[in-house]
Amino acid sequence: MDTFVFALRDFFEFLFSFMPSTGAAINLIFIGLITFFTFYWIKEMAGHSKKQ
């Protein structure tokens, strides 16, 4: 079981090792995506209320 836990730790350490090198860029990408889809969802919901 220890081997599995250590392997999992090493995998996640490798997976997230690139995050500091991206700086704030990854945060800005996620903020942009969330903002875009929020406005899209609001537009869709406004369209549904007009149909009823």
Protein backbone atom coordinates (compact mmCIF):
# COMPACT_ATOMS: atom_id res chain seq x y z
CA MET A 1 0.00 0.00 0.00
CA ASP A 2 2.89 2.35 0.75
CA THR A 3 4.23 1.87 -2.77
CA PHE A 4 0.89 2.89 -4.26
CA VAL A 5 0.64 5.99 -2.08
CA PHE A 6 4.21 7.04 -2.88
CA ALA A 7 3.65 6.44 -6.60
CA LEU A 8 0.49 8.53 -6.46
CA ARG A 9 2.38 11.30 -4.67
CA ASP A 10 5.14 11.24 -7.28
CA PHE A 11 2.58 11.33 -10.09
CA PHE A 12 0.80 14.38 -8.68
CA GLU A 13 4.12 16.08 -7.91
CA PHE A 14 5.13 15.62 -11.55
CA LEU A 15 1.70 16.63 -12.82
CA PHE A 16 1.61 19.90 -10.90
CA SER A 17 5.30 20.78 -11.20
CA PHE A 18 4.62 22.93 -14.27
CA MET A 19 2.07 25.14 -12.47
CA PRO A 20 4.51 27.65 -10.92
CA SER A 21 6.18 28.22 -14.28
CA THR A 22 2.91 29.36 -15.84
CA GLY A 23 2.46 32.07 -13.23
CA ALA A 24 -0.87 33.85 -13.38
CA ALA A 25 -1.58 32.80 -16.97
CA ILE A 26 -3.46 29.64 -16.01
CA ASN A 27 -5.60 31.63 -13.55
CA LEU A 28 -6.43 34.18 -16.22
CA ILE A 29 -7.42 31.42 -18.64
CA PHE A 30 -9.78 29.88 -16.07
CA ILE A 31 -11.22 33.30 -15.15
CA GLY A 32 -11.86 33.99 -18.84
CA LEU A 33 -13.54 30.62 -19.41
CA ILE A 34 -15.75 30.94 -16.35
CA THR A 35 -16.75 34.48 -17.30
CA PHE A 36 -17.53 33.47 -20.89
CA PHE A 37 -19.68 30.51 -19.89
CA THR A 38 -21.46 32.52 -17.17
CA PHE A 39 -22.54 35.15 -19.69
CA TYR A 40 -23.52 32.41 -22.16
CA TRP A 41 -25.64 30.71 -19.50
CA ILE A 42 -27.32 34.02 -18.55
CA LYS A 43 -28.10 34.66 -22.23
CA GLU A 44 -29.61 31.19 -22.59
CA MET A 45 -31.72 31.60 -19.45
CA ALA A 46 -32.98 34.99 -20.65
CA GLY A 47 -34.03 33.34 -23.91
CA HIS A 48 -35.99 30.66 -22.05
CA SER A 49 -37.95 33.22 -20.05
CA LYS A 50 -38.97 35.05 -23.24
CA LYS A 51 -40.42 31.85 -24.74
CA GLN A 52 -42.78 31.26 -21.81
